[in-house]
Amino acid sequence: MENDSSKEKSENLVNEPVVEYSKSNTRKDILEILDKANGLSENQINILIDELKNIIQNKEKPSHTEFQEFLLSGPIMTDAQYAEFLETKKHTNKWRIK
């Protein structure tokens, strides 16, 4: 019985973040770039920063995120439904303000 209880507890726990980030290729690449940047002069570092900013600005951004697509694909009111909503709102406000 204790085994089932401990199993339930472990299923309900939040998983700790995986420490793989520090071992990933991306992290290694960044550390390698920073290591090489240590040998640059201040002027060369400023040029590097400007080039990195240009890369960021020129990257194409997705037109919509997955969440935006979810929101945009939702149901919409017809004109008749919107008119009915406004009428109901008007009557509700009259009742509420009395």
Protein backbone atom coordinates (compact mmCIF):
# COMPACT_ATOMS: atom_id res chain seq x y z
CA MET A 1 0.00 0.00 0.00
CA GLU A 2 2.87 2.36 0.78
CA ASN A 3 4.28 1.65 -2.65
CA ASP A 4 1.10 2.91 -4.34
CA SER A 5 1.11 6.03 -2.17
CA SER A 6 4.71 6.86 -3.00
CA LYS A 7 3.98 6.22 -6.67
CA GLU A 8 1.10 8.71 -6.55
CA LYS A 9 3.30 11.28 -4.85
CA SER A 10 6.03 10.92 -7.42
CA GLU A 11 3.53 11.29 -10.26
CA ASN A 12 2.23 14.53 -8.77
CA LEU A 13 5.63 16.14 -8.29
CA VAL A 14 6.85 18.80 -10.65
CA ASN A 15 9.80 17.61 -12.69
CA GLU A 16 13.06 19.37 -12.02
CA PRO A 17 14.58 21.15 -15.03
CA VAL A 18 16.97 19.06 -17.02
CA VAL A 19 20.58 20.12 -16.67
CA GLU A 20 21.31 19.18 -20.27
CA TYR A 21 21.45 22.87 -21.27
CA SER A 22 24.97 23.25 -19.93
CA LYS A 23 26.02 20.18 -21.89
CA SER A 24 24.21 21.04 -25.13
CA ASN A 25 25.95 21.99 -28.35
CA THR A 26 24.39 25.45 -28.24
CA ARG A 27 25.95 26.18 -24.88
CA LYS A 28 29.31 24.85 -26.09
CA ASP A 29 29.11 27.05 -29.18
CA ILE A 30 28.34 30.12 -27.09
CA LEU A 31 31.22 29.41 -24.72
CA GLU A 32 33.55 28.92 -27.69
CA ILE A 33 32.49 32.25 -29.20
CA LEU A 34 32.95 34.02 -25.87
CA ASP A 35 36.36 32.44 -25.45
CA LYS A 36 37.40 33.74 -28.87
CA ALA A 37 35.90 37.15 -28.12
CA ASN A 38 38.16 37.49 -25.07
CA GLY A 39 41.11 38.03 -27.40
CA LEU A 40 39.45 40.85 -29.38
CA SER A 41 40.08 44.54 -28.94
CA GLU A 42 37.31 46.85 -27.74
CA ASN A 43 36.74 48.11 -31.28
CA GLN A 44 36.48 44.56 -32.65
CA ILE A 45 34.02 43.64 -29.89
CA ASN A 46 31.85 46.65 -30.78
CA ILE A 47 31.91 45.56 -34.44
CA LEU A 48 30.93 42.03 -33.38
CA ILE A 49 28.06 43.40 -31.29
CA ASP A 50 26.80 45.47 -34.23
CA GLU A 51 26.98 42.45 -36.53
CA LEU A 52 25.07 40.31 -34.02
CA LYS A 53 22.39 43.00 -33.73
CA ASN A 54 22.10 43.05 -37.55
CA ILE A 55 21.67 39.28 -37.59
CA ILE A 56 18.89 39.51 -35.00
CA GLN A 57 17.08 42.32 -36.82
CA ASN A 58 17.30 40.61 -40.22
CA LYS A 59 15.98 37.26 -39.02
CA GLU A 60 12.48 36.59 -40.27
CA LYS A 61 10.00 36.49 -37.46
CA PRO A 62 7.10 34.05 -37.73
CA SER A 63 3.92 35.81 -38.73
CA HIS A 64 1.94 34.13 -35.96
CA THR A 65 2.84 32.04 -32.97
CA GLU A 66 1.00 28.81 -32.24
CA PHE A 67 -1.02 30.58 -29.54
CA GLN A 68 -1.96 33.42 -31.88
CA GLU A 69 -3.10 30.87 -34.47
CA PHE A 70 -5.20 29.20 -31.76
CA LEU A 71 -6.85 32.51 -30.87
CA LEU A 72 -7.41 33.52 -34.48
CA SER A 73 -8.96 30.17 -35.37
CA GLY A 74 -11.63 30.49 -32.66
CA PRO A 75 -15.30 31.12 -33.26
CA ILE A 76 -16.47 34.59 -34.24
CA MET A 77 -19.83 36.34 -33.92
CA THR A 78 -21.97 37.05 -36.91
CA ASP A 79 -23.37 40.57 -37.25
CA ALA A 80 -26.76 39.32 -36.04
CA GLN A 81 -25.20 37.68 -32.96
CA TYR A 82 -23.27 40.87 -32.19
CA ALA A 83 -26.43 42.98 -32.48
CA GLU A 84 -28.21 40.56 -30.13
CA PHE A 85 -25.27 40.79 -27.69
CA LEU A 86 -25.42 44.59 -27.70
CA GLU A 87 -29.18 44.55 -27.13
CA THR A 88 -28.81 42.11 -24.22
CA LYS A 89 -26.02 44.24 -22.78
CA LYS A 90 -28.22 47.32 -23.00
CA HIS A 91 -31.07 45.61 -21.13
CA THR A 92 -28.68 44.18 -18.54
CA ASN A 93 -27.20 47.63 -17.89
CA LYS A 94 -30.70 49.12 -17.44
CA TRP A 95 -31.55 46.39 -14.92
CA ARG A 96 -28.20 46.71 -13.13
CA ILE A 97 -28.34 50.51 -12.79
CA LYS A 98 -31.91 50.67 -11.36
